[in-house]
N, C-alpha and C. Protein backbone atom coordinates (compact mmCIF):
# COMPACT_ATOMS: atom_id res chain seq x y z
N UNK A 1 -3.73 20.39 -3.35
CA UNK A 1 -2.72 19.38 -3.66
C UNK A 1 -2.10 19.72 -4.97
N UNK A 2 -0.78 19.71 -5.05
CA UNK A 2 -0.11 20.01 -6.25
C UNK A 2 0.00 18.76 -7.15
N UNK A 3 0.22 19.03 -8.44
CA UNK A 3 0.33 17.91 -9.39
C UNK A 3 1.46 16.97 -9.04
N UNK A 4 2.62 17.47 -8.60
CA UNK A 4 3.75 16.65 -8.28
C UNK A 4 3.44 15.68 -7.15
N UNK A 5 2.75 16.18 -6.11
CA UNK A 5 2.42 15.34 -4.98
C UNK A 5 1.39 14.25 -5.38
N UNK A 6 0.47 14.62 -6.21
CA UNK A 6 -0.52 13.67 -6.70
C UNK A 6 0.17 12.55 -7.57
N UNK A 7 1.08 13.03 -8.40
CA UNK A 7 1.80 12.05 -9.26
C UNK A 7 2.68 11.15 -8.43
N UNK A 8 3.34 11.66 -7.43
CA UNK A 8 4.20 10.82 -6.59
C UNK A 8 3.37 9.84 -5.75
N UNK A 9 2.18 10.30 -5.31
CA UNK A 9 1.30 9.41 -4.58
C UNK A 9 0.82 8.26 -5.45
N UNK A 10 0.51 8.53 -6.74
CA UNK A 10 0.13 7.50 -7.64
C UNK A 10 1.25 6.52 -7.92
N UNK A 11 2.47 7.07 -8.11
CA UNK A 11 3.61 6.20 -8.37
C UNK A 11 3.90 5.31 -7.16
N UNK A 12 3.89 5.86 -5.95
CA UNK A 12 4.10 5.07 -4.75
C UNK A 12 3.01 4.03 -4.61
N UNK A 13 1.78 4.40 -4.86
CA UNK A 13 0.65 3.48 -4.77
C UNK A 13 0.78 2.37 -5.79
N UNK A 14 1.19 2.70 -6.99
CA UNK A 14 1.35 1.66 -8.04
C UNK A 14 2.43 0.69 -7.69
N UNK A 15 3.62 1.20 -7.24
CA UNK A 15 4.72 0.32 -6.88
C UNK A 15 4.34 -0.53 -5.68
N UNK A 16 3.70 0.11 -4.67
CA UNK A 16 3.31 -0.66 -3.48
C UNK A 16 2.28 -1.73 -3.80
N UNK A 17 1.33 -1.36 -4.63
CA UNK A 17 0.31 -2.36 -5.05
C UNK A 17 0.92 -3.51 -5.83
N UNK A 18 1.86 -3.19 -6.73
CA UNK A 18 2.50 -4.24 -7.49
C UNK A 18 3.32 -5.17 -6.58
N UNK A 19 4.09 -4.54 -5.68
CA UNK A 19 4.89 -5.32 -4.74
C UNK A 19 4.03 -6.18 -3.85
N UNK A 20 2.92 -5.65 -3.38
CA UNK A 20 2.06 -6.42 -2.49
C UNK A 20 1.40 -7.58 -3.25
N UNK A 21 1.09 -7.33 -4.52
CA UNK A 21 0.56 -8.41 -5.37
C UNK A 21 1.57 -9.54 -5.54
N UNK A 22 2.85 -9.20 -5.66
CA UNK A 22 3.91 -10.20 -5.77
C UNK A 22 4.12 -10.94 -4.47
N UNK A 23 4.07 -10.20 -3.37
CA UNK A 23 4.31 -10.79 -2.02
C UNK A 23 3.13 -11.72 -1.68
N UNK A 24 1.89 -11.33 -2.01
CA UNK A 24 0.73 -12.12 -1.67
C UNK A 24 0.37 -13.10 -2.77
N UNK A 25 1.34 -13.58 -3.55
CA UNK A 25 1.19 -14.65 -4.53
C UNK A 25 0.11 -14.37 -5.58
N UNK A 26 0.23 -13.21 -6.22
CA UNK A 26 -0.66 -12.91 -7.33
C UNK A 26 -2.08 -12.53 -7.00
N UNK A 27 -2.27 -12.00 -5.81
CA UNK A 27 -3.63 -11.55 -5.44
C UNK A 27 -3.94 -10.13 -5.84
N UNK A 28 -3.19 -9.60 -6.82
CA UNK A 28 -3.35 -8.25 -7.26
C UNK A 28 -4.63 -8.04 -8.01
N UNK A 29 -4.98 -6.79 -8.31
CA UNK A 29 -6.23 -6.43 -8.95
C UNK A 29 -6.00 -5.71 -10.26
N UNK A 30 -4.91 -5.89 -10.93
CA UNK A 30 -4.61 -5.16 -12.12
C UNK A 30 -3.97 -3.83 -11.81
N UNK A 31 -3.59 -3.04 -12.85
CA UNK A 31 -2.84 -1.83 -12.64
C UNK A 31 -3.63 -0.79 -11.78
N UNK A 32 -4.84 -0.48 -12.19
CA UNK A 32 -5.62 0.53 -11.41
C UNK A 32 -6.02 0.00 -10.06
N UNK A 33 -6.36 -1.25 -9.99
CA UNK A 33 -6.69 -1.84 -8.71
C UNK A 33 -5.51 -1.87 -7.72
N UNK A 34 -4.32 -2.12 -8.28
CA UNK A 34 -3.14 -2.10 -7.45
C UNK A 34 -2.80 -0.69 -6.97
N UNK A 35 -3.02 0.31 -7.80
CA UNK A 35 -2.81 1.69 -7.37
C UNK A 35 -3.74 2.00 -6.18
N UNK A 36 -5.00 1.61 -6.33
CA UNK A 36 -5.99 1.84 -5.24
C UNK A 36 -5.58 1.09 -3.99
N UNK A 37 -5.21 -0.17 -4.14
CA UNK A 37 -4.81 -0.96 -3.01
C UNK A 37 -3.56 -0.35 -2.35
N UNK A 38 -2.58 0.12 -3.14
CA UNK A 38 -1.40 0.77 -2.56
C UNK A 38 -1.72 2.03 -1.84
N UNK A 39 -2.63 2.89 -2.36
CA UNK A 39 -2.98 4.11 -1.69
C UNK A 39 -3.75 3.82 -0.43
N UNK A 40 -4.72 2.89 -0.51
CA UNK A 40 -5.51 2.54 0.71
C UNK A 40 -4.61 1.86 1.73
N UNK A 41 -3.68 1.06 1.23
CA UNK A 41 -2.73 0.38 2.13
C UNK A 41 -1.83 1.39 2.88
N UNK A 42 -1.42 2.42 2.15
CA UNK A 42 -0.59 3.46 2.78
C UNK A 42 -1.43 4.18 3.85
N UNK A 43 -2.70 4.46 3.56
CA UNK A 43 -3.57 5.09 4.53
C UNK A 43 -3.75 4.20 5.73
N UNK A 44 -3.98 2.93 5.51
CA UNK A 44 -4.14 1.94 6.59
C UNK A 44 -2.89 1.87 7.44
N UNK A 45 -1.75 1.76 6.80
CA UNK A 45 -0.50 1.73 7.53
C UNK A 45 -0.25 3.02 8.30
N UNK A 46 -0.66 4.15 7.72
CA UNK A 46 -0.51 5.41 8.42
C UNK A 46 -1.37 5.54 9.66
N UNK A 47 -2.45 4.77 9.70
CA UNK A 47 -3.28 4.74 10.91
C UNK A 47 -2.74 3.72 11.96
N UNK A 48 -2.28 2.59 11.45
CA UNK A 48 -1.89 1.49 12.36
C UNK A 48 -0.49 1.68 12.96
N UNK A 49 0.47 2.05 12.12
CA UNK A 49 1.88 2.06 12.58
C UNK A 49 2.16 3.08 13.66
N UNK A 50 1.65 4.33 13.58
CA UNK A 50 1.90 5.27 14.69
C UNK A 50 1.28 4.80 16.03
N UNK A 51 0.17 4.13 15.94
CA UNK A 51 -0.47 3.63 17.18
C UNK A 51 0.40 2.52 17.83
N UNK A 52 1.13 1.78 17.00
CA UNK A 52 1.99 0.71 17.52
C UNK A 52 3.40 1.24 17.81
N UNK A 53 3.70 2.50 17.46
CA UNK A 53 5.00 3.03 17.74
C UNK A 53 6.02 2.66 16.69
N UNK A 54 5.59 2.26 15.55
CA UNK A 54 6.51 1.83 14.47
C UNK A 54 6.69 2.96 13.44
N UNK A 55 7.94 3.34 13.14
CA UNK A 55 8.20 4.40 12.18
C UNK A 55 9.25 3.89 11.18
N UNK A 56 9.01 4.19 9.88
CA UNK A 56 9.97 3.71 8.84
C UNK A 56 10.84 4.82 8.34
N UNK A 57 10.69 6.00 8.78
CA UNK A 57 11.48 7.12 8.36
C UNK A 57 10.83 7.93 7.27
N UNK A 58 11.64 8.68 6.52
CA UNK A 58 11.10 9.51 5.45
C UNK A 58 11.75 9.19 4.12
N UNK A 59 11.27 9.80 3.07
CA UNK A 59 11.83 9.56 1.75
C UNK A 59 10.94 8.68 0.91
N UNK A 60 11.31 8.49 -0.33
CA UNK A 60 10.55 7.73 -1.26
C UNK A 60 10.59 6.24 -0.92
N UNK A 61 11.75 5.71 -0.59
CA UNK A 61 11.86 4.30 -0.25
C UNK A 61 11.03 3.98 0.97
N UNK A 62 11.08 4.79 1.99
CA UNK A 62 10.26 4.59 3.19
C UNK A 62 8.78 4.67 2.90
N UNK A 63 8.39 5.58 1.98
CA UNK A 63 7.00 5.67 1.62
C UNK A 63 6.52 4.38 0.91
N UNK A 64 7.35 3.88 0.00
CA UNK A 64 7.02 2.68 -0.72
C UNK A 64 6.93 1.50 0.27
N UNK A 65 7.93 1.38 1.19
CA UNK A 65 7.89 0.33 2.20
C UNK A 65 6.65 0.40 3.06
N UNK A 66 6.33 1.59 3.53
CA UNK A 66 5.15 1.85 4.35
C UNK A 66 3.86 1.43 3.62
N UNK A 67 3.75 1.92 2.39
CA UNK A 67 2.56 1.60 1.64
C UNK A 67 2.45 0.11 1.26
N UNK A 68 3.60 -0.51 1.01
CA UNK A 68 3.57 -1.93 0.68
C UNK A 68 3.15 -2.78 1.87
N UNK A 69 3.62 -2.49 3.03
CA UNK A 69 3.20 -3.20 4.24
C UNK A 69 1.73 -3.07 4.47
N UNK A 70 1.24 -1.82 4.33
CA UNK A 70 -0.19 -1.58 4.49
C UNK A 70 -1.01 -2.32 3.39
N UNK A 71 -0.50 -2.33 2.13
CA UNK A 71 -1.20 -3.02 1.07
C UNK A 71 -1.25 -4.52 1.30
N UNK A 72 -0.16 -5.09 1.83
CA UNK A 72 -0.12 -6.51 2.12
C UNK A 72 -1.16 -6.87 3.19
N UNK A 73 -1.22 -6.00 4.24
CA UNK A 73 -2.24 -6.21 5.26
C UNK A 73 -3.64 -6.11 4.66
N UNK A 74 -3.85 -5.15 3.79
CA UNK A 74 -5.15 -4.98 3.15
C UNK A 74 -5.46 -6.21 2.25
N UNK A 75 -4.54 -6.70 1.47
CA UNK A 75 -4.81 -7.90 0.63
C UNK A 75 -5.03 -9.12 1.46
N UNK A 76 -4.40 -9.23 2.65
CA UNK A 76 -4.64 -10.33 3.52
C UNK A 76 -6.08 -10.30 4.05
N UNK A 77 -6.52 -9.11 4.45
CA UNK A 77 -7.89 -8.94 4.97
C UNK A 77 -8.90 -9.21 3.89
N UNK A 78 -8.64 -8.72 2.65
CA UNK A 78 -9.55 -8.97 1.52
C UNK A 78 -9.64 -10.49 1.23
N UNK A 79 -8.48 -11.14 1.29
CA UNK A 79 -8.43 -12.61 1.09
C UNK A 79 -9.24 -13.36 2.12
N UNK A 80 -9.22 -12.92 3.40
CA UNK A 80 -10.03 -13.54 4.42
C UNK A 80 -11.50 -13.34 4.16
N UNK A 81 -11.83 -12.15 3.69
CA UNK A 81 -13.28 -11.84 3.44
C UNK A 81 -13.77 -12.65 2.25
N UNK A 82 -12.95 -12.79 1.25
CA UNK A 82 -13.35 -13.59 0.05
C UNK A 82 -13.59 -15.03 0.40
N UNK A 83 -12.81 -15.59 1.31
CA UNK A 83 -12.95 -17.04 1.70
C UNK A 83 -14.21 -17.22 2.49
N UNK A 84 -14.68 -16.18 3.21
CA UNK A 84 -15.87 -16.38 4.07
C UNK A 84 -17.13 -16.36 3.32
């Protein structure tokens, strides 16, 4: 993995985690937690969306959208587990 791809993955994860924290009413985990949530959310969306036949396209905006949707799903699941 090259440095540029690692850096872009961290940036996309940070933006997606921040956006998902805003969408889910402040359920974020801080800067590093949001990066992790964004990266894991992107991985989760990468598994779920192709199985459902949903594609968001390519590029940076599509990557952020993809990761944000996955991070929102992840934060929702974490919220359900916390309540239980």
